[in-house]
Amino acid sequence: SGKALDDFRHVREEEVGKLTHALVKSSTGTSSVNLGQLLNVCTVNALGRMMIGRSVFGDGTGAADSKADEFKDMVVEMMVLA
């Protein structure tokens, strides 16, 4: 619903901010940027935060998260089956 989308607007904005930061950081080097991968990470992290309250591909701290890892495995399995 529209209200649900509004409730999670801050999550989407934060994940897009992280995406923008990653793009800026990647653009300073001479190597190419895998935009598709960065967009997938942004999308899955936003969905993960809305569904389970955690980023699936990490929060930038490098700490392991078993629930996020389980969710990531489920997402990968669904993508393989689709």
PDB file of N, CA and C in Angstrom:
ATOM      1  N   SER A   1       0.839  -1.193   0.000  1.00  0.00           N
ATOM      2  CA  SER A   1       0.000   0.000   0.000  1.00  0.00           C
ATOM      3  C   SER A   1       0.877   1.248   0.000  1.00  0.00           C
ATOM      4  N   GLY A   2       0.255   2.361  -0.265  1.00  0.00           N
ATOM      5  CA  GLY A   2       0.985   3.623  -0.289  1.00  0.00           C
ATOM      6  C   GLY A   2       1.571   3.980   1.057  1.00  0.00           C
ATOM      7  N   LYS A   3       0.823   3.689   2.138  1.00  0.00           N
ATOM      8  CA  LYS A   3       1.318   4.000   3.480  1.00  0.00           C
ATOM      9  C   LYS A   3       2.550   3.164   3.808  1.00  0.00           C
ATOM     10  N   ALA A   4       2.521   1.898   3.427  1.00  0.00           N
ATOM     11  CA  ALA A   4       3.676   1.029   3.690  1.00  0.00           C
ATOM     12  C   ALA A   4       4.910   1.544   2.956  1.00  0.00           C
ATOM     13  N   LEU A   5       4.721   1.986   1.726  1.00  0.00           N
ATOM     14  CA  LEU A   5       5.850   2.548   0.982  1.00  0.00           C
ATOM     15  C   LEU A   5       6.374   3.804   1.666  1.00  0.00           C
ATOM     16  N   ASP A   6       5.468   4.642   2.138  1.00  0.00           N
ATOM     17  CA  ASP A   6       5.882   5.860   2.843  1.00  0.00           C
ATOM     18  C   ASP A   6       6.616   5.535   4.139  1.00  0.00           C
ATOM     19  N   ASP A   7       6.154   4.492   4.841  1.00  0.00           N
ATOM     20  CA  ASP A   7       6.787   4.114   6.110  1.00  0.00           C
ATOM     21  C   ASP A   7       8.247   3.705   5.929  1.00  0.00           C
ATOM     22  N   PHE A   8       8.580   3.146   4.774  1.00  0.00           N
ATOM     23  CA  PHE A   8       9.938   2.667   4.529  1.00  0.00           C
ATOM     24  C   PHE A   8      10.727   3.574   3.599  1.00  0.00           C
ATOM     25  N   ARG A   9      10.247   4.774   3.397  1.00  0.00           N
ATOM     26  CA  ARG A   9      10.948   5.705   2.512  1.00  0.00           C
ATOM     27  C   ARG A   9      12.378   5.958   2.989  1.00  0.00           C
ATOM     28  N   HIS A  10      12.539   6.111   4.306  1.00  0.00           N
ATOM     29  CA  HIS A  10      13.873   6.385   4.849  1.00  0.00           C
ATOM     30  C   HIS A  10      14.849   5.248   4.545  1.00  0.00           C
ATOM     31  N   VAL A  11      14.354   4.014   4.530  1.00  0.00           N
ATOM     32  CA  VAL A  11      15.209   2.862   4.216  1.00  0.00           C
ATOM     33  C   VAL A  11      15.698   2.963   2.774  1.00  0.00           C
ATOM     34  N   ARG A  12      14.779   3.235   1.857  1.00  0.00           N
ATOM     35  CA  ARG A  12      15.163   3.357   0.451  1.00  0.00           C
ATOM     36  C   ARG A  12      16.147   4.498   0.252  1.00  0.00           C
ATOM     37  N   GLU A  13      15.893   5.625   0.915  1.00  0.00           N
ATOM     38  CA  GLU A  13      16.792   6.774   0.778  1.00  0.00           C
ATOM     39  C   GLU A  13      18.185   6.460   1.314  1.00  0.00           C
ATOM     40  N   GLU A  14      18.260   5.759   2.449  1.00  0.00           N
ATOM     41  CA  GLU A  14      19.563   5.399   3.020  1.00  0.00           C
ATOM     42  C   GLU A  14      20.321   4.442   2.098  1.00  0.00           C
ATOM     43  N   GLU A  15      19.626   3.469   1.528  1.00  0.00           N
ATOM     44  CA  GLU A  15      20.290   2.510   0.644  1.00  0.00           C
ATOM     45  C   GLU A  15      20.756   3.176  -0.650  1.00  0.00           C
ATOM     46  N   VAL A  16      19.967   4.110  -1.172  1.00  0.00           N
ATOM     47  CA  VAL A  16      20.404   4.853  -2.363  1.00  0.00           C
ATOM     48  C   VAL A  16      21.605   5.727  -2.014  1.00  0.00           C
ATOM     49  N   GLY A  17      21.626   6.270  -0.803  1.00  0.00           N
ATOM     50  CA  GLY A  17      22.791   7.037  -0.352  1.00  0.00           C
ATOM     51  C   GLY A  17      24.041   6.177  -0.300  1.00  0.00           C
ATOM     52  N   LYS A  18      23.896   4.946   0.200  1.00  0.00           N
ATOM     53  CA  LYS A  18      25.030   4.017   0.233  1.00  0.00           C
ATOM     54  C   LYS A  18      25.480   3.666  -1.185  1.00  0.00           C
ATOM     55  N   LEU A  19      24.511   3.492  -2.088  1.00  0.00           N
ATOM     56  CA  LEU A  19      24.834   3.211  -3.488  1.00  0.00           C
ATOM     57  C   LEU A  19      25.615   4.368  -4.093  1.00  0.00           C
ATOM     58  N   THR A  20      25.155   5.582  -3.850  1.00  0.00           N
ATOM     59  CA  THR A  20      25.837   6.769  -4.372  1.00  0.00           C
ATOM     60  C   THR A  20      27.255   6.858  -3.829  1.00  0.00           C
ATOM     61  N   HIS A  21      27.407   6.602  -2.531  1.00  0.00           N
ATOM     62  CA  HIS A  21      28.737   6.626  -1.910  1.00  0.00           C
ATOM     63  C   HIS A  21      29.642   5.570  -2.551  1.00  0.00           C
ATOM     64  N   ALA A  22      29.106   4.375  -2.780  1.00  0.00           N
ATOM     65  CA  ALA A  22      29.900   3.308  -3.399  1.00  0.00           C
ATOM     66  C   ALA A  22      30.302   3.685  -4.822  1.00  0.00           C
ATOM     67  N   LEU A  23      29.402   4.337  -5.550  1.00  0.00           N
ATOM     68  CA  LEU A  23      29.728   4.765  -6.915  1.00  0.00           C
ATOM     69  C   LEU A  23      30.825   5.818  -6.919  1.00  0.00           C
ATOM     70  N   VAL A  24      30.735   6.774  -6.011  1.00  0.00           N
ATOM     71  CA  VAL A  24      31.760   7.817  -5.928  1.00  0.00           C
ATOM     72  C   VAL A  24      33.099   7.199  -5.557  1.00  0.00           C
ATOM     73  N   LYS A  25      33.085   6.299  -4.574  1.00  0.00           N
ATOM     74  CA  LYS A  25      34.315   5.643  -4.136  1.00  0.00           C
ATOM     75  C   LYS A  25      34.924   4.814  -5.270  1.00  0.00           C
ATOM     76  N   SER A  26      34.083   4.125  -6.037  1.00  0.00           N
ATOM     77  CA  SER A  26      34.572   3.295  -7.139  1.00  0.00           C
ATOM     78  C   SER A  26      35.076   4.119  -8.308  1.00  0.00           C
ATOM     79  N   SER A  27      34.540   5.306  -8.470  1.00  0.00           N
ATOM     80  CA  SER A  27      34.894   6.112  -9.641  1.00  0.00           C
ATOM     81  C   SER A  27      36.259   6.777  -9.512  1.00  0.00           C
ATOM     82  N   THR A  28      36.853   6.767  -8.330  1.00  0.00           N
ATOM     83  CA  THR A  28      38.149   7.411  -8.155  1.00  0.00           C
ATOM     84  C   THR A  28      39.289   6.579  -8.732  1.00  0.00           C
ATOM     85  N   GLY A  29      39.067   5.297  -8.909  1.00  0.00           N
ATOM     86  CA  GLY A  29      40.104   4.419  -9.454  1.00  0.00           C
ATOM     87  C   GLY A  29      40.022   4.328 -10.961  1.00  0.00           C
ATOM     88  N   THR A  30      40.864   3.475 -11.508  1.00  0.00           N
ATOM     89  CA  THR A  30      40.886   3.291 -12.956  1.00  0.00           C
ATOM     90  C   THR A  30      40.107   2.059 -13.395  1.00  0.00           C
ATOM     91  N   SER A  31      39.659   1.251 -12.453  1.00  0.00           N
ATOM     92  CA  SER A  31      38.923   0.039 -12.809  1.00  0.00           C
ATOM     93  C   SER A  31      37.461   0.367 -13.115  1.00  0.00           C
ATOM     94  N   SER A  32      36.819  -0.540 -13.841  1.00  0.00           N
ATOM     95  CA  SER A  32      35.419  -0.335 -14.199  1.00  0.00           C
ATOM     96  C   SER A  32      34.524  -0.615 -12.991  1.00  0.00           C
ATOM     97  N   VAL A  33      33.319  -0.064 -13.044  1.00  0.00           N
ATOM     98  CA  VAL A  33      32.347  -0.224 -11.965  1.00  0.00           C
ATOM     99  C   VAL A  33      31.278  -1.200 -12.433  1.00  0.00           C
ATOM    100  N   ASN A  34      30.990  -2.206 -11.622  1.00  0.00           N
ATOM    101  CA  ASN A  34      29.936  -3.164 -11.937  1.00  0.00           C
ATOM    102  C   ASN A  34      28.619  -2.590 -11.417  1.00  0.00           C
ATOM    103  N   LEU A  35      27.988  -1.754 -12.238  1.00  0.00           N
ATOM    104  CA  LEU A  35      26.775  -1.059 -11.827  1.00  0.00           C
ATOM    105  C   LEU A  35      25.639  -2.027 -11.534  1.00  0.00           C
ATOM    106  N   GLY A  36      25.526  -3.080 -12.325  1.00  0.00           N
ATOM    107  CA  GLY A  36      24.476  -4.068 -12.096  1.00  0.00           C
ATOM    108  C   GLY A  36      24.571  -4.688 -10.715  1.00  0.00           C
ATOM    109  N   GLN A  37      25.781  -5.026 -10.312  1.00  0.00           N
ATOM    110  CA  GLN A  37      25.985  -5.626  -8.993  1.00  0.00           C
ATOM    111  C   GLN A  37      25.650  -4.626  -7.891  1.00  0.00           C
ATOM    112  N   LEU A  38      26.087  -3.386  -8.050  1.00  0.00           N
ATOM    113  CA  LEU A  38      25.794  -2.372  -7.038  1.00  0.00           C
ATOM    114  C   LEU A  38      24.295  -2.119  -6.926  1.00  0.00           C
ATOM    115  N   LEU A  39      23.587  -2.113  -8.054  1.00  0.00           N
ATOM    116  CA  LEU A  39      22.138  -1.922  -8.023  1.00  0.00           C
ATOM    117  C   LEU A  39      21.438  -3.103  -7.358  1.00  0.00           C
ATOM    118  N   ASN A  40      21.916  -4.321  -7.625  1.00  0.00           N
ATOM    119  CA  ASN A  40      21.344  -5.500  -6.967  1.00  0.00           C
ATOM    120  C   ASN A  40      21.551  -5.441  -5.462  1.00  0.00           C
ATOM    121  N   VAL A  41      22.741  -5.067  -5.032  1.00  0.00           N
ATOM    122  CA  VAL A  41      23.026  -4.960  -3.596  1.00  0.00           C
ATOM    123  C   VAL A  41      22.110  -3.925  -2.958  1.00  0.00           C
ATOM    124  N   CYS A  42      21.945  -2.791  -3.612  1.00  0.00           N
ATOM    125  CA  CYS A  42      21.076  -1.732  -3.101  1.00  0.00           C
ATOM    126  C   CYS A  42      19.638  -2.233  -2.958  1.00  0.00           C
ATOM    127  N   THR A  43      19.139  -2.885  -3.998  1.00  0.00           N
ATOM    128  CA  THR A  43      17.759  -3.372  -3.997  1.00  0.00           C
ATOM    129  C   THR A  43      17.536  -4.443  -2.944  1.00  0.00           C
ATOM    130  N   VAL A  44      18.425  -5.424  -2.894  1.00  0.00           N
ATOM    131  CA  VAL A  44      18.264  -6.526  -1.943  1.00  0.00           C
ATOM    132  C   VAL A  44      18.430  -6.035  -0.508  1.00  0.00           C
ATOM    133  N   ASN A  45      19.358  -5.122  -0.265  1.00  0.00           N
ATOM    134  CA  ASN A  45      19.508  -4.579   1.081  1.00  0.00           C
ATOM    135  C   ASN A  45      18.264  -3.805   1.508  1.00  0.00           C
ATOM    136  N   ALA A  46      17.678  -3.034   0.598  1.00  0.00           N
ATOM    137  CA  ALA A  46      16.456  -2.297   0.933  1.00  0.00           C
ATOM    138  C   ALA A  46      15.322  -3.271   1.248  1.00  0.00           C
ATOM    139  N   LEU A  47      15.162  -4.295   0.418  1.00  0.00           N
ATOM    140  CA  LEU A  47      14.123  -5.297   0.681  1.00  0.00           C
ATOM    141  C   LEU A  47      14.384  -6.039   1.984  1.00  0.00           C
ATOM    142  N   GLY A  48      15.628  -6.413   2.200  1.00  0.00           N
ATOM    143  CA  GLY A  48      15.978  -7.116   3.434  1.00  0.00           C
ATOM    144  C   GLY A  48      15.693  -6.286   4.667  1.00  0.00           C
ATOM    145  N   ARG A  49      16.036  -5.019   4.617  1.00  0.00           N
ATOM    146  CA  ARG A  49      15.783  -4.147   5.765  1.00  0.00           C
ATOM    147  C   ARG A  49      14.292  -3.995   6.019  1.00  0.00           C
ATOM    148  N   MET A  50      13.494  -3.982   4.958  1.00  0.00           N
ATOM    149  CA  MET A  50      12.048  -3.868   5.133  1.00  0.00           C
ATOM    150  C   MET A  50      11.442  -5.174   5.631  1.00  0.00           C
ATOM    151  N   MET A  51      12.001  -6.315   5.197  1.00  0.00           N
ATOM    152  CA  MET A  51      11.414  -7.607   5.543  1.00  0.00           C
ATOM    153  C   MET A  51      11.944  -8.186   6.852  1.00  0.00           C
ATOM    154  N   ILE A  52      13.250  -8.102   7.073  1.00  0.00           N
ATOM    155  CA  ILE A  52      13.825  -8.722   8.272  1.00  0.00           C
ATOM    156  C   ILE A  52      14.565  -7.733   9.154  1.00  0.00           C
ATOM    157  N   GLY A  53      14.588  -6.468   8.744  1.00  0.00           N
ATOM    158  CA  GLY A  53      15.222  -5.445   9.568  1.00  0.00           C
ATOM    159  C   GLY A  53      16.734  -5.416   9.496  1.00  0.00           C
ATOM    160  N   ARG A  54      17.314  -6.097   8.500  1.00  0.00           N
ATOM    161  CA  ARG A  54      18.772  -6.145   8.375  1.00  0.00           C
ATOM    162  C   ARG A  54      19.177  -6.052   6.910  1.00  0.00           C
ATOM    163  N   SER A  55      20.355  -5.494   6.672  1.00  0.00           N
ATOM    164  CA  SER A  55      20.922  -5.510   5.328  1.00  0.00           C
ATOM    165  C   SER A  55      21.392  -6.916   5.019  1.00  0.00           C
ATOM    166  N   VAL A  56      21.106  -7.389   3.832  1.00  0.00           N
ATOM    167  CA  VAL A  56      21.460  -8.750   3.449  1.00  0.00           C
ATOM    168  C   VAL A  56      22.931  -8.848   3.065  1.00  0.00           C
ATOM    169  N   PHE A  57      23.431  -7.855   2.349  1.00  0.00           N
ATOM    170  CA  PHE A  57      24.816  -7.879   1.891  1.00  0.00           C
ATOM    171  C   PHE A  57      25.716  -7.043   2.780  1.00  0.00           C
ATOM    172  N   GLY A  58      25.383  -6.966   4.039  1.00  0.00           N
ATOM    173  CA  GLY A  58      26.239  -6.299   5.001  1.00  0.00           C
ATOM    174  C   GLY A  58      25.842  -4.866   5.270  1.00  0.00           C
ATOM    175  N   ASP A  59      26.280  -4.408   6.420  1.00  0.00           N
ATOM    176  CA  ASP A  59      25.985  -3.043   6.847  1.00  0.00           C
ATOM    177  C   ASP A  59      27.231  -2.173   6.834  1.00  0.00           C
ATOM    178  N   GLY A  60      28.301  -2.721   6.272  1.00  0.00           N
ATOM    179  CA  GLY A  60      29.536  -1.954   6.198  1.00  0.00           C
ATOM    180  C   GLY A  60      30.482  -2.193   7.352  1.00  0.00           C
ATOM    181  N   THR A  61      30.035  -2.923   8.384  1.00  0.00           N
ATOM    182  CA  THR A  61      30.892  -3.177   9.535  1.00  0.00           C
ATOM    183  C   THR A  61      31.711  -4.448   9.375  1.00  0.00           C
ATOM    184  N   GLY A  62      31.305  -5.309   8.443  1.00  0.00           N
ATOM    185  CA  GLY A  62      32.006  -6.571   8.242  1.00  0.00           C
ATOM    186  C   GLY A  62      31.569  -7.657   9.202  1.00  0.00           C
ATOM    187  N   ALA A  63      30.604  -7.359  10.081  1.00  0.00           N
ATOM    188  CA  ALA A  63      30.117  -8.334  11.048  1.00  0.00           C
ATOM    189  C   ALA A  63      29.200  -9.345  10.362  1.00  0.00           C
ATOM    190  N   ALA A  64      29.319 -10.610  10.742  1.00  0.00           N
ATOM    191  CA  ALA A  64      28.467 -11.655  10.181  1.00  0.00           C
ATOM    192  C   ALA A  64      27.090 -11.587  10.823  1.00  0.00           C
ATOM    193  N   ASP A  65      26.065 -11.921  10.059  1.00  0.00           N
ATOM    194  CA  ASP A  65      24.694 -11.904  10.550  1.00  0.00           C
ATOM    195  C   ASP A  65      23.995 -13.146  10.016  1.00  0.00           C
ATOM    196  N   SER A  66      23.698 -14.114  10.898  1.00  0.00           N
ATOM    197  CA  SER A  66      23.154 -15.392  10.447  1.00  0.00           C
ATOM    198  C   SER A  66      21.777 -15.242   9.814  1.00  0.00           C
ATOM    199  N   LYS A  67      20.920 -14.356  10.344  1.00  0.00           N
ATOM    200  CA  LYS A  67      19.599 -14.154   9.744  1.00  0.00           C
ATOM    201  C   LYS A  67      19.725 -13.553   8.350  1.00  0.00           C
ATOM    202  N   ALA A  68      20.612 -12.597   8.202  1.00  0.00           N
ATOM    203  CA  ALA A  68      20.822 -11.983   6.892  1.00  0.00           C
ATOM    204  C   ALA A  68      21.400 -13.004   5.920  1.00  0.00           C
ATOM    205  N   ASP A  69      22.316 -13.845   6.392  1.00  0.00           N
ATOM    206  CA  ASP A  69      22.893 -14.879   5.530  1.00  0.00           C
ATOM    207  C   ASP A  69      21.826 -15.883   5.092  1.00  0.00           C
ATOM    208  N   GLU A  70      20.935 -16.244   6.016  1.00  0.00           N
ATOM    209  CA  GLU A  70      19.854 -17.170   5.679  1.00  0.00           C
ATOM    210  C   GLU A  70      18.922 -16.550   4.639  1.00  0.00           C
ATOM    211  N   PHE A  71      18.591 -15.276   4.825  1.00  0.00           N
ATOM    212  CA  PHE A  71      17.734 -14.578   3.874  1.00  0.00           C
ATOM    213  C   PHE A  71      18.417 -14.484   2.513  1.00  0.00           C
ATOM    214  N   LYS A  72      19.709 -14.189   2.517  1.00  0.00           N
ATOM    215  CA  LYS A  72      20.463 -14.099   1.258  1.00  0.00           C
ATOM    216  C   LYS A  72      20.430 -15.439   0.530  1.00  0.00           C
ATOM    217  N   ASP A  73      20.611 -16.536   1.256  1.00  0.00           N
ATOM    218  CA  ASP A  73      20.564 -17.860   0.643  1.00  0.00           C
ATOM    219  C   ASP A  73      19.195 -18.133   0.024  1.00  0.00           C
ATOM    220  N   MET A  74      18.125 -17.706   0.710  1.00  0.00           N
ATOM    221  CA  MET A  74      16.778 -17.892   0.173  1.00  0.00           C
ATOM    222  C   MET A  74      16.578 -17.080  -1.102  1.00  0.00           C
ATOM    223  N   VAL A  75      17.068 -15.848  -1.117  1.00  0.00           N
ATOM    224  CA  VAL A  75      16.933 -14.996  -2.302  1.00  0.00           C
ATOM    225  C   VAL A  75      17.685 -15.606  -3.476  1.00  0.00           C
ATOM    226  N   VAL A  76      18.898 -16.073  -3.232  1.00  0.00           N
ATOM    227  CA  VAL A  76      19.693 -16.691  -4.300  1.00  0.00           C
ATOM    228  C   VAL A  76      18.980 -17.932  -4.826  1.00  0.00           C
ATOM    229  N   GLU A  77      18.433 -18.744  -3.931  1.00  0.00           N
ATOM    230  CA  GLU A  77      17.724 -19.952  -4.351  1.00  0.00           C
ATOM    231  C   GLU A  77      16.499 -19.603  -5.198  1.00  0.00           C
ATOM    232  N   MET A  78      15.760 -18.570  -4.809  1.00  0.00           N
ATOM    233  CA  MET A  78      14.600 -18.151  -5.602  1.00  0.00           C
ATOM    234  C   MET A  78      15.023 -17.664  -6.981  1.00  0.00           C
ATOM    235  N   MET A  79      16.152 -16.952  -7.046  1.00  0.00           N
ATOM    236  CA  MET A  79      16.629 -16.454  -8.336  1.00  0.00           C
ATOM    237  C   MET A  79      17.044 -17.607  -9.245  1.00  0.00           C
ATOM    238  N   VAL A  80      17.632 -18.639  -8.665  1.00  0.00           N
ATOM    239  CA  VAL A  80      18.049 -19.802  -9.449  1.00  0.00           C
ATOM    240  C   VAL A  80      16.822 -20.550  -9.966  1.00  0.00           C
ATOM    241  N   LEU A  81      15.793 -20.657  -9.133  1.00  0.00           N
ATOM    242  CA  LEU A  81      14.591 -21.389  -9.520  1.00  0.00           C
ATOM    243  C   LEU A  81      13.720 -20.623 -10.507  1.00  0.00           C
ATOM    244  N   ALA A  82      13.857 -19.303 -10.541  1.00  0.00           N
ATOM    245  CA  ALA A  82      12.979 -18.482 -11.403  1.00  0.00           C
ATOM    246  C   ALA A  82      13.315 -18.601 -12.862  1.00  0.00           C
TER     247      ALA A  82
END
